N, C-alpha and C. Protein backbone atom coordinates (compact mmCIF):
# COMPACT_ATOMS: atom_id res chain seq x y z
N LEU A 1 -2.75 -21.91 26.74
CA LEU A 1 -4.00 -21.95 25.98
C LEU A 1 -5.19 -21.65 26.90
N ARG A 2 -5.16 -22.21 28.10
CA ARG A 2 -6.25 -22.00 29.06
C ARG A 2 -6.42 -20.51 29.34
N ALA A 3 -5.30 -19.84 29.61
CA ALA A 3 -5.35 -18.40 29.92
C ALA A 3 -5.85 -17.61 28.72
N ARG A 4 -5.43 -18.04 27.51
CA ARG A 4 -5.86 -17.36 26.29
C ARG A 4 -7.37 -17.49 26.10
N LEU A 5 -7.90 -18.68 26.32
CA LEU A 5 -9.34 -18.87 26.17
C LEU A 5 -10.11 -18.00 27.16
N ALA A 6 -9.59 -17.94 28.38
CA ALA A 6 -10.25 -17.13 29.41
C ALA A 6 -10.20 -15.65 29.06
N SER A 7 -9.03 -15.16 28.67
CA SER A 7 -8.90 -13.72 28.43
C SER A 7 -9.51 -13.28 27.09
N GLU A 8 -9.24 -14.01 26.02
CA GLU A 8 -9.72 -13.60 24.70
C GLU A 8 -11.21 -13.84 24.49
N HIS A 9 -11.75 -14.85 25.17
CA HIS A 9 -13.14 -15.22 24.91
C HIS A 9 -14.06 -15.02 26.10
N GLY A 10 -13.52 -14.41 27.16
CA GLY A 10 -14.35 -14.09 28.32
C GLY A 10 -14.89 -15.29 29.07
N LEU A 11 -14.16 -16.39 29.03
CA LEU A 11 -14.61 -17.60 29.73
C LEU A 11 -14.07 -17.61 31.15
N SER A 12 -14.76 -18.31 32.02
CA SER A 12 -14.26 -18.47 33.39
C SER A 12 -13.06 -19.42 33.36
N GLU A 13 -12.27 -19.39 34.42
CA GLU A 13 -11.13 -20.31 34.52
C GLU A 13 -11.63 -21.76 34.42
N TYR A 14 -12.76 -22.02 35.07
CA TYR A 14 -13.33 -23.37 35.07
C TYR A 14 -13.65 -23.82 33.64
N ASP A 15 -14.39 -22.97 32.89
CA ASP A 15 -14.75 -23.31 31.51
C ASP A 15 -13.51 -23.53 30.65
N ALA A 16 -12.53 -22.64 30.80
CA ALA A 16 -11.30 -22.76 30.03
C ALA A 16 -10.59 -24.07 30.36
N ALA A 17 -10.59 -24.44 31.64
CA ALA A 17 -9.95 -25.69 32.06
C ALA A 17 -10.63 -26.90 31.43
N ILE A 18 -11.96 -26.89 31.40
CA ILE A 18 -12.72 -27.99 30.80
C ILE A 18 -12.39 -28.11 29.31
N LEU A 19 -12.40 -26.98 28.62
CA LEU A 19 -12.17 -26.99 27.17
C LEU A 19 -10.75 -27.38 26.80
N THR A 20 -9.80 -27.17 27.70
CA THR A 20 -8.40 -27.47 27.37
C THR A 20 -7.96 -28.82 27.93
N GLN A 21 -8.90 -29.64 28.40
CA GLN A 21 -8.53 -30.98 28.85
C GLN A 21 -7.98 -31.81 27.70
N SER A 22 -8.44 -31.51 26.49
CA SER A 22 -7.85 -32.17 25.31
C SER A 22 -7.65 -31.11 24.23
N LYS A 23 -6.60 -31.29 23.46
CA LYS A 23 -6.31 -30.36 22.37
C LYS A 23 -7.47 -30.34 21.36
N SER A 24 -8.04 -31.51 21.11
CA SER A 24 -9.11 -31.59 20.11
C SER A 24 -10.36 -30.85 20.57
N MET A 25 -10.65 -30.87 21.87
CA MET A 25 -11.81 -30.14 22.40
C MET A 25 -11.57 -28.63 22.27
N ALA A 26 -10.35 -28.20 22.59
CA ALA A 26 -10.00 -26.78 22.45
C ALA A 26 -10.09 -26.35 20.98
N ARG A 27 -9.62 -27.21 20.08
CA ARG A 27 -9.67 -26.92 18.64
C ARG A 27 -11.13 -26.80 18.19
N TYR A 28 -11.98 -27.71 18.64
CA TYR A 28 -13.40 -27.69 18.28
C TYR A 28 -14.02 -26.35 18.73
N PHE A 29 -13.72 -25.95 19.97
CA PHE A 29 -14.22 -24.68 20.49
C PHE A 29 -13.75 -23.51 19.61
N LEU A 30 -12.45 -23.46 19.34
CA LEU A 30 -11.89 -22.36 18.54
C LEU A 30 -12.49 -22.34 17.14
N ASP A 31 -12.69 -23.52 16.55
CA ASP A 31 -13.30 -23.59 15.22
C ASP A 31 -14.74 -23.08 15.24
N ALA A 32 -15.49 -23.44 16.28
CA ALA A 32 -16.88 -22.99 16.38
C ALA A 32 -16.96 -21.48 16.56
N VAL A 33 -16.05 -20.94 17.38
CA VAL A 33 -16.02 -19.48 17.59
C VAL A 33 -15.61 -18.78 16.29
N ALA A 34 -14.63 -19.35 15.59
CA ALA A 34 -14.18 -18.77 14.32
C ALA A 34 -15.31 -18.78 13.28
N ALA A 35 -16.22 -19.75 13.41
CA ALA A 35 -17.35 -19.84 12.48
C ALA A 35 -18.51 -18.93 12.90
N GLY A 36 -18.28 -18.11 13.93
CA GLY A 36 -19.28 -17.11 14.31
C GLY A 36 -20.11 -17.42 15.53
N GLY A 37 -19.75 -18.47 16.26
CA GLY A 37 -20.49 -18.80 17.47
C GLY A 37 -20.07 -17.92 18.64
N GLN A 38 -21.02 -17.47 19.45
CA GLN A 38 -20.73 -16.67 20.64
C GLN A 38 -19.97 -17.56 21.63
N PRO A 39 -18.77 -17.14 22.09
CA PRO A 39 -17.91 -18.01 22.90
C PRO A 39 -18.58 -18.67 24.10
N LYS A 40 -19.29 -17.92 24.92
CA LYS A 40 -19.88 -18.51 26.12
C LYS A 40 -20.96 -19.53 25.76
N LEU A 41 -21.78 -19.22 24.77
CA LEU A 41 -22.81 -20.17 24.33
C LEU A 41 -22.18 -21.42 23.73
N VAL A 42 -21.13 -21.23 22.91
CA VAL A 42 -20.43 -22.38 22.33
C VAL A 42 -19.88 -23.26 23.45
N CYS A 43 -19.25 -22.63 24.43
CA CYS A 43 -18.71 -23.36 25.57
C CYS A 43 -19.81 -24.15 26.28
N ASN A 44 -20.93 -23.50 26.54
CA ASN A 44 -22.04 -24.18 27.23
C ASN A 44 -22.53 -25.40 26.45
N TRP A 45 -22.62 -25.27 25.14
CA TRP A 45 -23.09 -26.39 24.32
C TRP A 45 -22.05 -27.50 24.25
N ILE A 46 -20.77 -27.14 24.20
CA ILE A 46 -19.73 -28.17 24.17
C ILE A 46 -19.69 -28.93 25.49
N THR A 47 -19.71 -28.19 26.60
CA THR A 47 -19.60 -28.84 27.91
C THR A 47 -20.92 -29.49 28.33
N GLY A 48 -22.00 -29.13 27.68
CA GLY A 48 -23.31 -29.70 28.02
C GLY A 48 -23.73 -30.77 27.03
N GLU A 49 -24.54 -30.36 26.08
CA GLU A 49 -25.18 -31.29 25.14
C GLU A 49 -24.18 -32.12 24.34
N LEU A 50 -23.16 -31.48 23.78
CA LEU A 50 -22.18 -32.21 22.96
C LEU A 50 -21.43 -33.25 23.80
N SER A 51 -20.92 -32.83 24.96
CA SER A 51 -20.18 -33.77 25.82
C SER A 51 -21.07 -34.92 26.28
N ARG A 52 -22.31 -34.62 26.59
CA ARG A 52 -23.25 -35.67 27.01
C ARG A 52 -23.39 -36.72 25.91
N ARG A 53 -23.56 -36.26 24.67
CA ARG A 53 -23.71 -37.19 23.55
C ARG A 53 -22.43 -37.96 23.27
N LEU A 54 -21.31 -37.26 23.30
CA LEU A 54 -20.02 -37.93 23.06
C LEU A 54 -19.79 -39.02 24.11
N ASN A 55 -20.03 -38.68 25.37
CA ASN A 55 -19.83 -39.65 26.46
C ASN A 55 -20.77 -40.84 26.33
N ALA A 56 -22.02 -40.58 26.00
CA ALA A 56 -23.01 -41.66 25.89
C ALA A 56 -22.61 -42.67 24.81
N GLU A 57 -21.98 -42.18 23.76
CA GLU A 57 -21.59 -43.06 22.65
C GLU A 57 -20.10 -43.40 22.68
N GLU A 58 -19.44 -42.99 23.76
CA GLU A 58 -18.00 -43.23 23.91
C GLU A 58 -17.22 -42.79 22.66
N ARG A 59 -17.53 -41.58 22.22
CA ARG A 59 -16.85 -40.99 21.06
C ARG A 59 -15.90 -39.91 21.52
N GLU A 60 -14.91 -39.65 20.70
CA GLU A 60 -14.04 -38.50 20.89
C GLU A 60 -14.63 -37.35 20.08
N VAL A 61 -14.26 -36.13 20.43
CA VAL A 61 -14.82 -34.97 19.75
C VAL A 61 -14.49 -34.97 18.25
N GLU A 62 -13.36 -35.57 17.88
CA GLU A 62 -12.99 -35.64 16.45
C GLU A 62 -14.03 -36.42 15.64
N SER A 63 -14.73 -37.33 16.28
CA SER A 63 -15.73 -38.12 15.55
C SER A 63 -17.16 -37.68 15.89
N SER A 64 -17.29 -36.44 16.32
CA SER A 64 -18.61 -35.89 16.64
C SER A 64 -19.48 -35.90 15.39
N ARG A 65 -20.75 -36.19 15.59
CA ARG A 65 -21.69 -36.18 14.46
C ARG A 65 -22.12 -34.76 14.10
N VAL A 66 -21.81 -33.79 14.97
CA VAL A 66 -22.11 -32.38 14.70
C VAL A 66 -20.78 -31.64 14.69
N ASP A 67 -20.40 -31.12 13.52
CA ASP A 67 -19.10 -30.45 13.45
C ASP A 67 -19.17 -29.04 14.05
N ALA A 68 -18.01 -28.44 14.23
CA ALA A 68 -17.91 -27.15 14.91
C ALA A 68 -18.69 -26.05 14.18
N ALA A 69 -18.62 -26.04 12.86
CA ALA A 69 -19.32 -25.00 12.09
C ALA A 69 -20.84 -25.14 12.24
N THR A 70 -21.32 -26.36 12.31
CA THR A 70 -22.76 -26.59 12.48
C THR A 70 -23.21 -26.18 13.87
N LEU A 71 -22.39 -26.50 14.88
CA LEU A 71 -22.72 -26.06 16.24
C LEU A 71 -22.74 -24.53 16.30
N ALA A 72 -21.78 -23.89 15.62
CA ALA A 72 -21.74 -22.42 15.59
C ALA A 72 -23.01 -21.86 14.97
N ALA A 73 -23.50 -22.50 13.90
CA ALA A 73 -24.73 -22.04 13.24
C ALA A 73 -25.92 -22.17 14.20
N LEU A 74 -25.95 -23.26 14.96
CA LEU A 74 -27.03 -23.45 15.93
C LEU A 74 -26.98 -22.39 17.03
N VAL A 75 -25.78 -22.13 17.52
CA VAL A 75 -25.58 -21.13 18.57
C VAL A 75 -25.99 -19.73 18.07
N ARG A 76 -25.68 -19.45 16.81
CA ARG A 76 -26.09 -18.15 16.23
C ARG A 76 -27.61 -18.01 16.22
N ARG A 77 -28.31 -19.11 15.96
CA ARG A 77 -29.78 -19.08 15.92
C ARG A 77 -30.37 -18.90 17.32
N ILE A 78 -29.67 -19.38 18.35
CA ILE A 78 -30.12 -19.13 19.72
C ILE A 78 -29.89 -17.66 20.04
N ALA A 79 -28.69 -17.18 19.72
CA ALA A 79 -28.31 -15.80 20.04
C ALA A 79 -29.20 -14.77 19.34
N ASP A 80 -29.62 -15.07 18.10
CA ASP A 80 -30.44 -14.08 17.37
C ASP A 80 -31.94 -14.25 17.62
N GLY A 81 -32.30 -15.19 18.50
CA GLY A 81 -33.70 -15.35 18.87
C GLY A 81 -34.53 -16.19 17.92
N THR A 82 -33.89 -16.82 16.93
CA THR A 82 -34.64 -17.65 15.99
C THR A 82 -35.24 -18.86 16.69
N VAL A 83 -34.45 -19.46 17.60
CA VAL A 83 -34.95 -20.62 18.37
C VAL A 83 -34.66 -20.42 19.86
N SER A 84 -35.48 -21.04 20.68
CA SER A 84 -35.24 -21.04 22.12
C SER A 84 -34.20 -22.12 22.43
N ASN A 85 -33.68 -22.12 23.64
CA ASN A 85 -32.74 -23.17 24.05
C ASN A 85 -33.38 -24.54 23.95
N ASN A 86 -34.64 -24.62 24.33
CA ASN A 86 -35.35 -25.89 24.29
C ASN A 86 -35.47 -26.39 22.84
N ALA A 87 -35.86 -25.51 21.94
CA ALA A 87 -35.98 -25.88 20.53
C ALA A 87 -34.60 -26.23 19.96
N ALA A 88 -33.57 -25.52 20.41
CA ALA A 88 -32.21 -25.79 19.93
C ALA A 88 -31.79 -27.22 20.28
N ARG A 89 -32.22 -27.71 21.44
CA ARG A 89 -31.90 -29.10 21.81
C ARG A 89 -32.53 -30.08 20.81
N GLN A 90 -33.74 -29.76 20.36
CA GLN A 90 -34.40 -30.61 19.36
C GLN A 90 -33.66 -30.55 18.02
N VAL A 91 -33.18 -29.37 17.67
CA VAL A 91 -32.41 -29.22 16.44
C VAL A 91 -31.11 -30.02 16.56
N PHE A 92 -30.43 -29.89 17.70
CA PHE A 92 -29.18 -30.63 17.92
C PHE A 92 -29.42 -32.13 17.81
N GLU A 93 -30.50 -32.59 18.41
CA GLU A 93 -30.86 -34.01 18.36
C GLU A 93 -31.02 -34.46 16.90
N ALA A 94 -31.73 -33.67 16.11
CA ALA A 94 -31.94 -34.00 14.70
C ALA A 94 -30.62 -34.02 13.94
N LEU A 95 -29.76 -33.06 14.22
CA LEU A 95 -28.45 -33.02 13.57
C LEU A 95 -27.63 -34.24 13.97
N TRP A 96 -27.67 -34.58 15.26
CA TRP A 96 -26.89 -35.70 15.78
C TRP A 96 -27.34 -37.03 15.16
N THR A 97 -28.66 -37.19 15.02
CA THR A 97 -29.19 -38.46 14.53
C THR A 97 -29.24 -38.53 13.00
N GLY A 98 -28.77 -37.47 12.33
CA GLY A 98 -28.69 -37.50 10.88
C GLY A 98 -29.97 -37.11 10.16
N GLU A 99 -30.93 -36.51 10.88
CA GLU A 99 -32.17 -36.08 10.23
C GLU A 99 -31.94 -34.89 9.31
N GLY A 100 -30.81 -34.24 9.47
CA GLY A 100 -30.48 -33.10 8.63
C GLY A 100 -29.07 -32.63 8.93
N THR A 101 -28.54 -31.79 8.07
CA THR A 101 -27.19 -31.26 8.29
C THR A 101 -27.19 -29.74 8.33
N ASP A 102 -28.28 -29.12 7.87
CA ASP A 102 -28.36 -27.67 7.84
C ASP A 102 -29.28 -27.19 8.96
N VAL A 103 -28.74 -26.36 9.84
CA VAL A 103 -29.48 -25.89 11.01
C VAL A 103 -30.80 -25.22 10.62
N ASP A 104 -30.75 -24.29 9.68
CA ASP A 104 -31.96 -23.56 9.29
C ASP A 104 -33.01 -24.48 8.67
N ALA A 105 -32.56 -25.45 7.88
CA ALA A 105 -33.50 -26.39 7.26
C ALA A 105 -34.19 -27.24 8.32
N VAL A 106 -33.45 -27.67 9.33
CA VAL A 106 -34.04 -28.47 10.42
C VAL A 106 -35.04 -27.63 11.21
N ILE A 107 -34.68 -26.37 11.48
CA ILE A 107 -35.58 -25.47 12.22
C ILE A 107 -36.91 -25.35 11.46
N GLU A 108 -36.84 -25.14 10.15
CA GLU A 108 -38.05 -24.99 9.34
C GLU A 108 -38.83 -26.30 9.26
N ALA A 109 -38.12 -27.41 9.00
CA ALA A 109 -38.79 -28.70 8.84
C ALA A 109 -39.54 -29.12 10.10
N LYS A 110 -38.99 -28.78 11.24
CA LYS A 110 -39.61 -29.17 12.51
C LYS A 110 -40.51 -28.07 13.09
N GLY A 111 -40.61 -26.95 12.38
CA GLY A 111 -41.48 -25.87 12.84
C GLY A 111 -41.05 -25.31 14.19
N LEU A 112 -39.75 -25.11 14.37
CA LEU A 112 -39.23 -24.67 15.67
C LEU A 112 -38.88 -23.19 15.73
N ARG A 113 -39.13 -22.47 14.64
CA ARG A 113 -38.81 -21.04 14.64
C ARG A 113 -39.64 -20.32 15.70
N GLN A 114 -38.95 -19.53 16.50
CA GLN A 114 -39.60 -18.79 17.58
C GLN A 114 -40.38 -17.61 17.00
N MET A 115 -41.54 -17.33 17.58
CA MET A 115 -42.36 -16.21 17.13
C MET A 115 -41.80 -14.92 17.72
N ASN A 116 -41.29 -14.04 16.87
CA ASN A 116 -40.72 -12.77 17.32
C ASN A 116 -41.49 -11.56 16.79
N ASP A 117 -42.56 -11.82 16.05
CA ASP A 117 -43.36 -10.75 15.46
C ASP A 117 -44.21 -10.10 16.56
N SER A 118 -43.84 -8.88 16.95
CA SER A 118 -44.52 -8.25 18.08
C SER A 118 -46.01 -8.01 17.80
N GLY A 119 -46.37 -7.77 16.56
CA GLY A 119 -47.78 -7.59 16.22
C GLY A 119 -48.59 -8.86 16.49
N ALA A 120 -48.06 -9.99 16.06
CA ALA A 120 -48.74 -11.28 16.29
C ALA A 120 -48.78 -11.59 17.78
N LEU A 121 -47.68 -11.31 18.47
CA LEU A 121 -47.63 -11.57 19.92
C LEU A 121 -48.62 -10.68 20.67
N GLU A 122 -48.71 -9.42 20.28
CA GLU A 122 -49.64 -8.50 20.94
C GLU A 122 -51.08 -8.97 20.76
N ALA A 123 -51.39 -9.52 19.59
CA ALA A 123 -52.74 -10.03 19.35
C ALA A 123 -53.04 -11.21 20.29
N ILE A 124 -52.08 -12.10 20.46
CA ILE A 124 -52.25 -13.24 21.37
C ILE A 124 -52.38 -12.73 22.81
N ILE A 125 -51.53 -11.78 23.17
CA ILE A 125 -51.57 -11.22 24.53
C ILE A 125 -52.93 -10.57 24.80
N ASP A 126 -53.46 -9.83 23.81
CA ASP A 126 -54.77 -9.21 23.97
C ASP A 126 -55.84 -10.26 24.25
N GLU A 127 -55.79 -11.38 23.50
CA GLU A 127 -56.76 -12.46 23.71
C GLU A 127 -56.62 -13.06 25.10
N VAL A 128 -55.38 -13.32 25.51
CA VAL A 128 -55.13 -13.93 26.82
C VAL A 128 -55.57 -13.00 27.95
N VAL A 129 -55.26 -11.72 27.83
CA VAL A 129 -55.66 -10.75 28.86
C VAL A 129 -57.19 -10.68 28.95
N ALA A 130 -57.86 -10.66 27.79
CA ALA A 130 -59.33 -10.59 27.78
C ALA A 130 -59.95 -11.85 28.40
N ALA A 131 -59.33 -12.99 28.18
CA ALA A 131 -59.89 -14.26 28.66
C ALA A 131 -59.49 -14.59 30.10
N ASN A 132 -58.59 -13.81 30.69
CA ASN A 132 -58.08 -14.13 32.03
C ASN A 132 -58.16 -12.92 32.95
N ALA A 133 -59.35 -12.33 33.05
CA ALA A 133 -59.53 -11.12 33.85
C ALA A 133 -59.12 -11.33 35.31
N LYS A 134 -59.38 -12.52 35.84
CA LYS A 134 -59.04 -12.80 37.24
C LYS A 134 -57.52 -12.72 37.47
N SER A 135 -56.75 -13.34 36.58
CA SER A 135 -55.29 -13.29 36.70
C SER A 135 -54.77 -11.87 36.54
N VAL A 136 -55.36 -11.12 35.62
CA VAL A 136 -54.95 -9.73 35.42
C VAL A 136 -55.18 -8.94 36.70
N GLU A 137 -56.35 -9.12 37.31
CA GLU A 137 -56.67 -8.41 38.54
C GLU A 137 -55.71 -8.81 39.67
N GLU A 138 -55.42 -10.11 39.78
CA GLU A 138 -54.49 -10.59 40.82
C GLU A 138 -53.11 -9.98 40.62
N PHE A 139 -52.67 -9.90 39.36
CA PHE A 139 -51.36 -9.30 39.07
C PHE A 139 -51.35 -7.85 39.52
N ARG A 140 -52.41 -7.13 39.21
CA ARG A 140 -52.48 -5.71 39.57
C ARG A 140 -52.54 -5.51 41.08
N GLN A 141 -52.90 -6.57 41.81
CA GLN A 141 -52.90 -6.52 43.27
C GLN A 141 -51.55 -6.94 43.84
N GLY A 142 -50.59 -7.18 42.93
CA GLY A 142 -49.23 -7.49 43.38
C GLY A 142 -48.86 -8.96 43.44
N LYS A 143 -49.68 -9.81 42.88
CA LYS A 143 -49.38 -11.25 42.91
C LYS A 143 -48.60 -11.63 41.65
N ASP A 144 -47.29 -11.85 41.83
CA ASP A 144 -46.42 -12.18 40.70
C ASP A 144 -46.78 -13.51 40.04
N LYS A 145 -47.30 -14.45 40.83
CA LYS A 145 -47.68 -15.74 40.26
C LYS A 145 -48.73 -15.58 39.17
N ALA A 146 -49.58 -14.59 39.33
CA ALA A 146 -50.63 -14.33 38.33
C ALA A 146 -49.99 -13.92 37.00
N PHE A 147 -48.91 -13.13 37.08
CA PHE A 147 -48.20 -12.73 35.85
C PHE A 147 -47.63 -13.96 35.16
N ASN A 148 -47.00 -14.83 35.95
CA ASN A 148 -46.42 -16.06 35.38
C ASN A 148 -47.50 -16.91 34.72
N ALA A 149 -48.69 -16.94 35.33
CA ALA A 149 -49.80 -17.70 34.75
C ALA A 149 -50.20 -17.11 33.39
N LEU A 150 -50.21 -15.79 33.31
CA LEU A 150 -50.54 -15.13 32.04
C LEU A 150 -49.48 -15.42 30.97
N VAL A 151 -48.21 -15.37 31.37
CA VAL A 151 -47.12 -15.71 30.43
C VAL A 151 -47.34 -17.15 29.94
N GLY A 152 -47.65 -18.04 30.86
CA GLY A 152 -47.90 -19.44 30.50
C GLY A 152 -49.04 -19.58 29.51
N GLN A 153 -50.10 -18.80 29.69
CA GLN A 153 -51.24 -18.84 28.77
C GLN A 153 -50.84 -18.34 27.38
N VAL A 154 -50.00 -17.31 27.33
CA VAL A 154 -49.53 -16.80 26.04
C VAL A 154 -48.67 -17.86 25.35
N MET A 155 -47.79 -18.51 26.13
CA MET A 155 -46.94 -19.56 25.56
C MET A 155 -47.80 -20.71 25.04
N LYS A 156 -48.84 -21.06 25.79
CA LYS A 156 -49.75 -22.13 25.37
C LYS A 156 -50.47 -21.74 24.08
N ALA A 157 -50.97 -20.50 24.04
CA ALA A 157 -51.71 -20.03 22.86
C ALA A 157 -50.82 -19.98 21.62
N SER A 158 -49.52 -19.76 21.82
CA SER A 158 -48.59 -19.70 20.68
C SER A 158 -47.97 -21.07 20.42
N ARG A 159 -48.46 -22.09 21.11
CA ARG A 159 -47.92 -23.45 21.03
C ARG A 159 -46.42 -23.48 21.30
N GLY A 160 -46.00 -22.67 22.28
CA GLY A 160 -44.60 -22.66 22.72
C GLY A 160 -43.65 -21.92 21.80
N LYS A 161 -44.18 -21.26 20.78
CA LYS A 161 -43.30 -20.61 19.80
C LYS A 161 -42.99 -19.15 20.11
N ALA A 162 -43.71 -18.56 21.05
CA ALA A 162 -43.46 -17.16 21.38
C ALA A 162 -42.12 -17.03 22.09
N ASN A 163 -41.43 -15.94 21.82
CA ASN A 163 -40.16 -15.65 22.50
C ASN A 163 -40.50 -15.21 23.92
N PRO A 164 -40.13 -16.03 24.94
CA PRO A 164 -40.55 -15.74 26.32
C PRO A 164 -40.14 -14.36 26.83
N SER A 165 -38.94 -13.91 26.51
CA SER A 165 -38.53 -12.59 27.01
C SER A 165 -39.35 -11.49 26.35
N GLN A 166 -39.69 -11.68 25.09
CA GLN A 166 -40.53 -10.69 24.40
C GLN A 166 -41.96 -10.71 24.97
N VAL A 167 -42.45 -11.91 25.30
CA VAL A 167 -43.78 -12.02 25.92
C VAL A 167 -43.79 -11.26 27.24
N ASN A 168 -42.75 -11.48 28.06
CA ASN A 168 -42.65 -10.78 29.35
C ASN A 168 -42.71 -9.27 29.15
N GLU A 169 -41.89 -8.79 28.22
CA GLU A 169 -41.80 -7.35 27.97
C GLU A 169 -43.14 -6.77 27.50
N LEU A 170 -43.75 -7.42 26.50
CA LEU A 170 -45.01 -6.91 25.94
C LEU A 170 -46.16 -7.02 26.94
N LEU A 171 -46.17 -8.10 27.72
CA LEU A 171 -47.24 -8.28 28.70
C LEU A 171 -47.12 -7.25 29.83
N ARG A 172 -45.90 -6.99 30.28
CA ARG A 172 -45.70 -5.97 31.34
C ARG A 172 -46.16 -4.60 30.83
N LYS A 173 -45.81 -4.30 29.56
CA LYS A 173 -46.21 -3.03 28.97
C LYS A 173 -47.75 -2.93 28.90
N LYS A 174 -48.37 -4.03 28.49
CA LYS A 174 -49.83 -4.08 28.35
C LYS A 174 -50.54 -3.89 29.69
N LEU A 175 -49.99 -4.51 30.73
CA LEU A 175 -50.64 -4.47 32.04
C LEU A 175 -50.26 -3.23 32.85
N GLY A 176 -49.31 -2.47 32.34
CA GLY A 176 -48.90 -1.24 33.01
C GLY A 176 -48.04 -1.55 34.19
């Protein structure tokens, strides 16, 4: 089973070994992948957030408060850019504590949807660039920290909802 997980799902030997420590953990992984979760992301969430919660409450994976299909739905929302990893942790927390059972409903209720609208992002970037001439000039002189400061200002202006990789791309394009 370990070799199969590694070869079929592109996992490292280490990840496959962790997932196959118990049959139920391997089953949970396979169920989440079958429900459409990206294998590496599913693995990361099982070995990270899910295991941390299970251990803290001394639960077995069979009695997890977040089932495999729900974890797969959350992973799909990370993969498609709907939520950031940070926001996904908040969604997982809400699912775990029973605040909701539907990933998309929790994302909407908590206002965690990531801003991916390039038009809206460009407007924010234009405002940030106009208000931070010093940082723009420093960046053009080769100071990478100035770029990071501008990204931070865009994230602040979007209240953390902007997609960081999209901000990087649009800001680099804007600054030439």
